[in-house]
């Protein structure tokens, strides 16, 4: 606060059964602190997290599904609780034998997720792990899930709000010049999608699936993904335009 530095909490969630429902407290605290300092947060639109198997997070309060294991690959897709029963040992002992491994933690309450998604200054984040053998489906489906499931199907907020939470709001928070808006003189980062059909199809069991309803993606004015579903890669920014802006 003394340095007048903006704060972004990433990723805001209330993980663990004992914390479910506490977003009412945390967001109220955000409201209080925003009176004195610029504060924002990001959130991914799922009530389960996914990462490497962490012994510190082993619990019987919610389901933990093993996504991969180097030592026991045949256990992938089973819950840690079931594996422990099959092996006739504690969940912690089973987790140690599975290491190194990946896991899905069903550690959040859906009502908390919706509460944070709806918060005025929350941005949409993905936080996927591209090199994970079984990545969280948010790597492929986070933004389409917001546009399709939460915006269109559940009516959590208008389409304009959903788009702003993943474009203009993010660019503003992170001070990215000439980004986040469709405006003359800005970099042409554009997505052409059908709001009636866009939806995430990536799942925890089959996460590497492109979303439906996205027709084209343009980065820095160059087509990067089109109807042929071919990804052409990243396009360099127009440095002349950036230079003129900075001067």
C-alpha atoms as a PDB file:
ATOM      1  CA  UNK A   1       0.000   0.000   0.000  1.00  0.00           C
ATOM      2  CA  UNK A   2       2.870   2.360   0.826  1.00  0.00           C
ATOM      3  CA  UNK A   3       4.395   1.788  -2.625  1.00  0.00           C
ATOM      4  CA  UNK A   4       0.984   2.157  -4.325  1.00  0.00           C
ATOM      5  CA  UNK A   5       1.502  -1.243  -5.967  1.00  0.00           C
ATOM      6  CA  UNK A   6      -1.588  -3.027  -7.352  1.00  0.00           C
ATOM      7  CA  UNK A   7      -2.305  -6.489  -5.945  1.00  0.00           C
ATOM      8  CA  UNK A   8      -3.591  -9.547  -7.816  1.00  0.00           C
ATOM      9  CA  UNK A   9      -4.542 -12.653  -5.841  1.00  0.00           C
ATOM     10  CA  UNK A  10      -3.990 -15.724  -7.977  1.00  0.00           C
ATOM     11  CA  UNK A  11      -5.939 -17.947  -7.968  1.00  0.00           C
ATOM     12  CA  UNK A  12      -8.648 -17.019  -5.526  1.00  0.00           C
ATOM     13  CA  UNK A  13     -10.433 -20.062  -4.140  1.00  0.00           C
ATOM     14  CA  UNK A  14     -11.399 -21.613  -0.824  1.00  0.00           C
ATOM     15  CA  UNK A  15      -9.845 -25.063  -1.006  1.00  0.00           C
ATOM     16  CA  UNK A  16     -10.496 -27.719   1.617  1.00  0.00           C
ATOM     17  CA  UNK A  17     -13.836 -28.747   3.069  1.00  0.00           C
ATOM     18  CA  UNK A  18     -13.304 -26.662   6.209  1.00  0.00           C
ATOM     19  CA  UNK A  19     -13.051 -23.529   4.041  1.00  0.00           C
ATOM     20  CA  UNK A  20     -16.106 -24.053   1.838  1.00  0.00           C
ATOM     21  CA  UNK A  21     -18.385 -21.022   1.900  1.00  0.00           C
ATOM     22  CA  UNK A  22     -15.700 -18.631   3.140  1.00  0.00           C
ATOM     23  CA  UNK A  23     -15.606 -16.651  -0.116  1.00  0.00           C
ATOM     24  CA  UNK A  24     -18.336 -14.575   1.544  1.00  0.00           C
ATOM     25  CA  UNK A  25     -15.660 -13.489   4.024  1.00  0.00           C
ATOM     26  CA  UNK A  26     -12.771 -13.145   1.597  1.00  0.00           C
ATOM     27  CA  UNK A  27     -14.668 -11.088  -0.966  1.00  0.00           C
ATOM     28  CA  UNK A  28     -16.022  -8.847   1.765  1.00  0.00           C
ATOM     29  CA  UNK A  29     -12.407  -8.306   2.830  1.00  0.00           C
ATOM     30  CA  UNK A  30     -11.537  -7.493  -0.799  1.00  0.00           C
ATOM     31  CA  UNK A  31     -14.297  -4.883  -0.822  1.00  0.00           C
ATOM     32  CA  UNK A  32     -12.908  -3.346   2.332  1.00  0.00           C
ATOM     33  CA  UNK A  33      -9.298  -3.218   1.114  1.00  0.00           C
ATOM     34  CA  UNK A  34     -10.238  -1.948  -2.357  1.00  0.00           C
ATOM     35  CA  UNK A  35     -11.203   1.325  -0.680  1.00  0.00           C
ATOM     36  CA  UNK A  36      -7.488   1.944  -0.089  1.00  0.00           C
ATOM     37  CA  UNK A  37      -5.622  -0.020  -2.767  1.00  0.00           C
ATOM     38  CA  UNK A  38      -6.132  -1.488  -6.229  1.00  0.00           C
ATOM     39  CA  UNK A  39      -6.854  -5.194  -5.756  1.00  0.00           C
ATOM     40  CA  UNK A  40      -7.964  -7.859  -8.202  1.00  0.00           C
ATOM     41  CA  UNK A  41      -7.935 -11.626  -8.470  1.00  0.00           C
ATOM     42  CA  UNK A  42      -8.140 -14.380 -11.021  1.00  0.00           C
ATOM     43  CA  UNK A  43     -10.164 -17.575 -10.870  1.00  0.00           C
ATOM     44  CA  UNK A  44     -10.427 -20.697 -12.996  1.00  0.00           C
ATOM     45  CA  UNK A  45     -13.939 -21.994 -13.680  1.00  0.00           C
ATOM     46  CA  UNK A  46     -13.722 -25.433 -12.042  1.00  0.00           C
ATOM     47  CA  UNK A  47     -14.395 -26.770  -8.564  1.00  0.00           C
ATOM     48  CA  UNK A  48     -11.467 -29.187  -8.771  1.00  0.00           C
ATOM     49  CA  UNK A  49      -7.759 -28.454  -8.967  1.00  0.00           C
ATOM     50  CA  UNK A  50      -5.122 -30.571 -10.667  1.00  0.00           C
ATOM     51  CA  UNK A  51      -1.405 -30.791 -10.035  1.00  0.00           C
ATOM     52  CA  UNK A  52       1.276 -33.236  -9.025  1.00  0.00           C
ATOM     53  CA  UNK A  53       0.418 -35.505  -6.120  1.00  0.00           C
ATOM     54  CA  UNK A  54       1.321 -33.636  -2.943  1.00  0.00           C
ATOM     55  CA  UNK A  55       1.609 -35.606   0.302  1.00  0.00           C
ATOM     56  CA  UNK A  56       0.641 -32.493   2.262  1.00  0.00           C
ATOM     57  CA  UNK A  57      -2.735 -32.415   0.483  1.00  0.00           C
ATOM     58  CA  UNK A  58      -3.675 -36.042   1.149  1.00  0.00           C
ATOM     59  CA  UNK A  59      -7.025 -36.094   2.963  1.00  0.00           C
ATOM     60  CA  UNK A  60     -10.261 -38.043   3.152  1.00  0.00           C
ATOM     61  CA  UNK A  61     -12.388 -34.873   3.156  1.00  0.00           C
ATOM     62  CA  UNK A  62     -12.878 -34.998  -0.625  1.00  0.00           C
ATOM     63  CA  UNK A  63     -12.049 -37.225  -3.579  1.00  0.00           C
ATOM     64  CA  UNK A  64      -8.495 -37.316  -4.919  1.00  0.00           C
ATOM     65  CA  UNK A  65      -8.185 -38.994  -8.308  1.00  0.00           C
ATOM     66  CA  UNK A  66      -4.789 -40.179  -9.522  1.00  0.00           C
ATOM     67  CA  UNK A  67      -4.189 -39.063 -13.113  1.00  0.00           C
ATOM     68  CA  UNK A  68      -0.795 -40.713 -13.633  1.00  0.00           C
ATOM     69  CA  UNK A  69       1.885 -42.523 -11.679  1.00  0.00           C
ATOM     70  CA  UNK A  70       5.386 -43.413 -12.812  1.00  0.00           C
ATOM     71  CA  UNK A  71       5.675 -46.288 -10.362  1.00  0.00           C
ATOM     72  CA  UNK A  72       2.135 -47.671 -10.742  1.00  0.00           C
ATOM     73  CA  UNK A  73       0.687 -46.407 -14.055  1.00  0.00           C
ATOM     74  CA  UNK A  74      -2.167 -48.927 -13.905  1.00  0.00           C
ATOM     75  CA  UNK A  75      -3.688 -46.985 -11.000  1.00  0.00           C
ATOM     76  CA  UNK A  76      -4.446 -43.940 -13.140  1.00  0.00           C
ATOM     77  CA  UNK A  77      -8.136 -43.022 -13.053  1.00  0.00           C
ATOM     78  CA  UNK A  78      -8.763 -44.458  -9.573  1.00  0.00           C
ATOM     79  CA  UNK A  79      -9.347 -42.507  -6.393  1.00  0.00           C
ATOM     80  CA  UNK A  80      -6.545 -42.502  -3.849  1.00  0.00           C
ATOM     81  CA  UNK A  81      -9.023 -43.841  -1.282  1.00  0.00           C
ATOM     82  CA  UNK A  82      -9.846 -46.859  -3.467  1.00  0.00           C
ATOM     83  CA  UNK A  83      -6.164 -47.550  -4.130  1.00  0.00           C
ATOM     84  CA  UNK A  84      -5.474 -47.439  -0.388  1.00  0.00           C
ATOM     85  CA  UNK A  85      -8.307 -49.911   0.259  1.00  0.00           C
ATOM     86  CA  UNK A  86      -7.030 -52.255  -2.472  1.00  0.00           C
ATOM     87  CA  UNK A  87      -3.514 -52.107  -1.056  1.00  0.00           C
ATOM     88  CA  UNK A  88      -4.776 -52.374   2.546  1.00  0.00           C
ATOM     89  CA  UNK A  89      -2.916 -49.319   3.808  1.00  0.00           C
ATOM     90  CA  UNK A  90      -3.503 -45.684   4.669  1.00  0.00           C
ATOM     91  CA  UNK A  91      -4.031 -43.070   1.967  1.00  0.00           C
ATOM     92  CA  UNK A  92      -0.743 -41.400   2.871  1.00  0.00           C
ATOM     93  CA  UNK A  93       1.162 -44.683   2.554  1.00  0.00           C
ATOM     94  CA  UNK A  94      -0.476 -45.342  -0.803  1.00  0.00           C
ATOM     95  CA  UNK A  95       0.366 -41.843  -2.002  1.00  0.00           C
ATOM     96  CA  UNK A  96       4.022 -42.369  -1.124  1.00  0.00           C
ATOM     97  CA  UNK A  97       4.122 -45.561  -3.207  1.00  0.00           C
ATOM     98  CA  UNK A  98       2.499 -43.808  -6.177  1.00  0.00           C
ATOM     99  CA  UNK A  99       5.043 -40.982  -6.263  1.00  0.00           C
ATOM    100  CA  UNK A 100       5.877 -39.304  -8.540  1.00  0.00           C
ATOM    101  CA  UNK A 101       2.298 -38.911  -9.703  1.00  0.00           C
ATOM    102  CA  UNK A 102      -0.422 -36.473 -10.701  1.00  0.00           C
ATOM    103  CA  UNK A 103      -3.778 -35.930  -9.032  1.00  0.00           C
ATOM    104  CA  UNK A 104      -7.118 -34.160  -9.285  1.00  0.00           C
ATOM    105  CA  UNK A 105      -8.322 -32.659  -6.018  1.00  0.00           C
ATOM    106  CA  UNK A 106     -12.088 -32.114  -5.717  1.00  0.00           C
ATOM    107  CA  UNK A 107     -11.372 -29.567  -3.014  1.00  0.00           C
ATOM    108  CA  UNK A 108     -13.726 -26.669  -3.786  1.00  0.00           C
ATOM    109  CA  UNK A 109     -17.411 -25.888  -3.494  1.00  0.00           C
ATOM    110  CA  UNK A 110     -19.185 -24.895  -6.708  1.00  0.00           C
ATOM    111  CA  UNK A 111     -20.980 -22.040  -4.948  1.00  0.00           C
ATOM    112  CA  UNK A 112     -17.642 -20.508  -4.019  1.00  0.00           C
ATOM    113  CA  UNK A 113     -16.437 -20.795  -7.616  1.00  0.00           C
ATOM    114  CA  UNK A 114     -19.536 -18.988  -8.883  1.00  0.00           C
ATOM    115  CA  UNK A 115     -19.230 -16.311  -6.218  1.00  0.00           C
ATOM    116  CA  UNK A 116     -15.645 -15.490  -7.231  1.00  0.00           C
ATOM    117  CA  UNK A 117     -16.442 -15.678 -10.956  1.00  0.00           C
ATOM    118  CA  UNK A 118     -19.192 -13.112 -10.425  1.00  0.00           C
ATOM    119  CA  UNK A 119     -17.049 -10.731  -8.383  1.00  0.00           C
ATOM    120  CA  UNK A 120     -16.641  -7.447 -10.313  1.00  0.00           C
ATOM    121  CA  UNK A 121     -12.829  -7.397 -10.422  1.00  0.00           C
ATOM    122  CA  UNK A 122     -12.182 -11.126 -10.868  1.00  0.00           C
ATOM    123  CA  UNK A 123     -10.386 -12.130 -14.074  1.00  0.00           C
ATOM    124  CA  UNK A 124     -10.552 -15.530 -15.752  1.00  0.00           C
ATOM    125  CA  UNK A 125      -7.385 -17.613 -15.557  1.00  0.00           C
ATOM    126  CA  UNK A 126      -6.483 -21.040 -16.885  1.00  0.00           C
ATOM    127  CA  UNK A 127      -3.269 -22.206 -15.158  1.00  0.00           C
ATOM    128  CA  UNK A 128      -2.873 -25.311 -17.294  1.00  0.00           C
ATOM    129  CA  UNK A 129       0.192 -27.565 -17.150  1.00  0.00           C
ATOM    130  CA  UNK A 130       1.098 -28.237 -20.816  1.00  0.00           C
ATOM    131  CA  UNK A 131       3.739 -30.873 -20.027  1.00  0.00           C
ATOM    132  CA  UNK A 132       1.599 -32.870 -17.616  1.00  0.00           C
ATOM    133  CA  UNK A 133       0.639 -36.313 -19.025  1.00  0.00           C
ATOM    134  CA  UNK A 134      -2.962 -35.666 -17.908  1.00  0.00           C
ATOM    135  CA  UNK A 135      -3.352 -31.877 -17.612  1.00  0.00           C
ATOM    136  CA  UNK A 136      -6.295 -30.166 -15.980  1.00  0.00           C
ATOM    137  CA  UNK A 137      -9.031 -29.591 -18.603  1.00  0.00           C
ATOM    138  CA  UNK A 138      -8.744 -25.860 -17.885  1.00  0.00           C
ATOM    139  CA  UNK A 139      -5.697 -25.899 -20.186  1.00  0.00           C
ATOM    140  CA  UNK A 140      -8.058 -26.430 -23.138  1.00  0.00           C
ATOM    141  CA  UNK A 141     -11.434 -25.382 -21.801  1.00  0.00           C
ATOM    142  CA  UNK A 142     -11.240 -22.586 -19.205  1.00  0.00           C
ATOM    143  CA  UNK A 143     -12.360 -19.643 -21.349  1.00  0.00           C
ATOM    144  CA  UNK A 144     -14.939 -21.553 -23.468  1.00  0.00           C
ATOM    145  CA  UNK A 145     -16.383 -22.938 -20.225  1.00  0.00           C
ATOM    146  CA  UNK A 146     -16.985 -19.414 -18.950  1.00  0.00           C
ATOM    147  CA  UNK A 147     -18.545 -18.278 -22.241  1.00  0.00           C
ATOM    148  CA  UNK A 148     -20.659 -21.386 -22.747  1.00  0.00           C
ATOM    149  CA  UNK A 149     -21.504 -22.973 -19.414  1.00  0.00           C
ATOM    150  CA  UNK A 150     -21.453 -20.096 -16.949  1.00  0.00           C
ATOM    151  CA  UNK A 151     -22.490 -17.230 -19.220  1.00  0.00           C
ATOM    152  CA  UNK A 152     -24.905 -18.732 -21.762  1.00  0.00           C
ATOM    153  CA  UNK A 153     -26.265 -21.803 -19.954  1.00  0.00           C
ATOM    154  CA  UNK A 154     -26.238 -20.655 -16.322  1.00  0.00           C
ATOM    155  CA  UNK A 155     -26.743 -16.915 -16.907  1.00  0.00           C
ATOM    156  CA  UNK A 156     -24.122 -16.008 -14.313  1.00  0.00           C
ATOM    157  CA  UNK A 157     -23.319 -12.758 -16.143  1.00  0.00           C
ATOM    158  CA  UNK A 158     -23.818 -11.151 -19.574  1.00  0.00           C
ATOM    159  CA  UNK A 159     -21.588 -12.094 -22.509  1.00  0.00           C
ATOM    160  CA  UNK A 160     -19.971  -8.653 -22.487  1.00  0.00           C
ATOM    161  CA  UNK A 161     -18.958  -9.132 -18.849  1.00  0.00           C
ATOM    162  CA  UNK A 162     -17.545 -12.584 -19.547  1.00  0.00           C
ATOM    163  CA  UNK A 163     -15.424 -11.276 -22.418  1.00  0.00           C
ATOM    164  CA  UNK A 164     -14.236  -8.277 -20.407  1.00  0.00           C
ATOM    165  CA  UNK A 165     -13.092 -10.568 -17.577  1.00  0.00           C
ATOM    166  CA  UNK A 166     -10.723 -12.365 -19.951  1.00  0.00           C
ATOM    167  CA  UNK A 167      -9.552  -9.442 -22.104  1.00  0.00           C
ATOM    168  CA  UNK A 168      -9.832  -5.764 -21.194  1.00  0.00           C
ATOM    169  CA  UNK A 169      -9.897  -6.256 -17.433  1.00  0.00           C
ATOM    170  CA  UNK A 170      -6.755  -8.415 -17.508  1.00  0.00           C
ATOM    171  CA  UNK A 171      -4.900  -6.013 -19.803  1.00  0.00           C
ATOM    172  CA  UNK A 172      -5.802  -3.112 -17.539  1.00  0.00           C
ATOM    173  CA  UNK A 173      -4.747  -4.855 -14.314  1.00  0.00           C
ATOM    174  CA  UNK A 174      -1.388  -5.922 -15.737  1.00  0.00           C
ATOM    175  CA  UNK A 175      -0.748  -2.608 -17.528  1.00  0.00           C
ATOM    176  CA  UNK A 176      -0.519  -4.154 -21.011  1.00  0.00           C
ATOM    177  CA  UNK A 177      -0.652  -1.212 -23.449  1.00  0.00           C
ATOM    178  CA  UNK A 178      -2.786  -1.497 -26.600  1.00  0.00           C
ATOM    179  CA  UNK A 179      -4.168  -4.882 -25.577  1.00  0.00           C
ATOM    180  CA  UNK A 180      -7.521  -6.197 -24.447  1.00  0.00           C
ATOM    181  CA  UNK A 181      -9.846  -4.000 -26.499  1.00  0.00           C
ATOM    182  CA  UNK A 182     -11.039  -3.928 -30.100  1.00  0.00           C
ATOM    183  CA  UNK A 183      -9.910  -0.420 -30.896  1.00  0.00           C
ATOM    184  CA  UNK A 184      -8.102   1.487 -33.647  1.00  0.00           C
ATOM    185  CA  UNK A 185      -4.345   1.439 -33.009  1.00  0.00           C
ATOM    186  CA  UNK A 186      -4.509  -1.606 -30.734  1.00  0.00           C
ATOM    187  CA  UNK A 187      -2.930  -4.973 -31.520  1.00  0.00           C
ATOM    188  CA  UNK A 188      -5.440  -7.189 -33.319  1.00  0.00           C
ATOM    189  CA  UNK A 189      -5.807 -10.063 -30.843  1.00  0.00           C
ATOM    190  CA  UNK A 190      -9.191 -11.429 -31.902  1.00  0.00           C
ATOM    191  CA  UNK A 191     -11.272 -14.555 -31.404  1.00  0.00           C
ATOM    192  CA  UNK A 192     -14.196 -15.397 -33.678  1.00  0.00           C
ATOM    193  CA  UNK A 193     -16.646 -17.665 -31.876  1.00  0.00           C
ATOM    194  CA  UNK A 194     -20.331 -18.559 -31.945  1.00  0.00           C
ATOM    195  CA  UNK A 195     -21.901 -17.616 -28.583  1.00  0.00           C
ATOM    196  CA  UNK A 196     -24.665 -20.168 -29.171  1.00  0.00           C
ATOM    197  CA  UNK A 197     -22.376 -23.161 -29.682  1.00  0.00           C
ATOM    198  CA  UNK A 198     -19.140 -22.421 -27.846  1.00  0.00           C
ATOM    199  CA  UNK A 199     -18.505 -24.952 -25.097  1.00  0.00           C
ATOM    200  CA  UNK A 200     -15.670 -26.764 -23.398  1.00  0.00           C
ATOM    201  CA  UNK A 201     -15.410 -30.452 -24.213  1.00  0.00           C
ATOM    202  CA  UNK A 202     -12.158 -31.190 -22.379  1.00  0.00           C
ATOM    203  CA  UNK A 203     -12.726 -33.402 -19.338  1.00  0.00           C
ATOM    204  CA  UNK A 204     -10.598 -34.702 -16.494  1.00  0.00           C
ATOM    205  CA  UNK A 205     -10.481 -38.126 -18.158  1.00  0.00           C
ATOM    206  CA  UNK A 206      -9.898 -36.718 -21.673  1.00  0.00           C
ATOM    207  CA  UNK A 207      -8.446 -33.227 -21.210  1.00  0.00           C
ATOM    208  CA  UNK A 208      -6.639 -32.557 -24.493  1.00  0.00           C
ATOM    209  CA  UNK A 209      -9.708 -31.641 -26.548  1.00  0.00           C
ATOM    210  CA  UNK A 210     -10.214 -28.308 -28.344  1.00  0.00           C
ATOM    211  CA  UNK A 211     -13.429 -26.487 -27.549  1.00  0.00           C
ATOM    212  CA  UNK A 212     -16.426 -26.358 -29.854  1.00  0.00           C
ATOM    213  CA  UNK A 213     -17.636 -23.105 -31.375  1.00  0.00           C
ATOM    214  CA  UNK A 214     -14.310 -21.329 -31.984  1.00  0.00           C
ATOM    215  CA  UNK A 215     -13.921 -20.460 -35.659  1.00  0.00           C
ATOM    216  CA  UNK A 216     -10.699 -18.446 -35.739  1.00  0.00           C
ATOM    217  CA  UNK A 217      -8.018 -16.848 -33.578  1.00  0.00           C
ATOM    218  CA  UNK A 218      -5.905 -13.895 -34.676  1.00  0.00           C
ATOM    219  CA  UNK A 219      -2.783 -12.824 -32.768  1.00  0.00           C
ATOM    220  CA  UNK A 220      -1.137  -9.482 -33.542  1.00  0.00           C
ATOM    221  CA  UNK A 221      -3.211  -9.271 -36.708  1.00  0.00           C
ATOM    222  CA  UNK A 222      -2.059 -12.645 -38.028  1.00  0.00           C
ATOM    223  CA  UNK A 223      -4.327 -15.693 -38.322  1.00  0.00           C
ATOM    224  CA  UNK A 224      -3.107 -18.279 -35.803  1.00  0.00           C
ATOM    225  CA  UNK A 225      -6.015 -20.756 -35.809  1.00  0.00           C
ATOM    226  CA  UNK A 226      -8.685 -21.192 -38.436  1.00  0.00           C
ATOM    227  CA  UNK A 227     -11.474 -23.432 -39.693  1.00  0.00           C
ATOM    228  CA  UNK A 228      -8.948 -26.099 -40.693  1.00  0.00           C
ATOM    229  CA  UNK A 229      -8.124 -26.478 -36.967  1.00  0.00           C
ATOM    230  CA  UNK A 230      -4.456 -25.957 -37.766  1.00  0.00           C
ATOM    231  CA  UNK A 231      -2.422 -23.921 -35.279  1.00  0.00           C
ATOM    232  CA  UNK A 232       0.156 -21.782 -37.042  1.00  0.00           C
ATOM    233  CA  UNK A 233       1.920 -20.524 -33.923  1.00  0.00           C
ATOM    234  CA  UNK A 234       2.586 -17.105 -32.495  1.00  0.00           C
ATOM    235  CA  UNK A 235       2.840 -13.909 -34.504  1.00  0.00           C
ATOM    236  CA  UNK A 236       5.329 -11.200 -33.574  1.00  0.00           C
ATOM    237  CA  UNK A 237       3.958  -7.835 -32.562  1.00  0.00           C
ATOM    238  CA  UNK A 238       4.334  -4.792 -34.785  1.00  0.00           C
ATOM    239  CA  UNK A 239       7.358  -3.218 -33.111  1.00  0.00           C
ATOM    240  CA  UNK A 240       6.972  -0.010 -35.121  1.00  0.00           C
ATOM    241  CA  UNK A 241       3.508   0.518 -33.667  1.00  0.00           C
ATOM    242  CA  UNK A 242       4.799  -0.271 -30.174  1.00  0.00           C
ATOM    243  CA  UNK A 243       7.733   2.117 -30.623  1.00  0.00           C
ATOM    244  CA  UNK A 244       5.445   4.944 -31.739  1.00  0.00           C
ATOM    245  CA  UNK A 245       3.180   4.318 -28.775  1.00  0.00           C
ATOM    246  CA  UNK A 246       6.055   4.401 -26.265  1.00  0.00           C
ATOM    247  CA  UNK A 247       7.392   7.673 -27.668  1.00  0.00           C
END
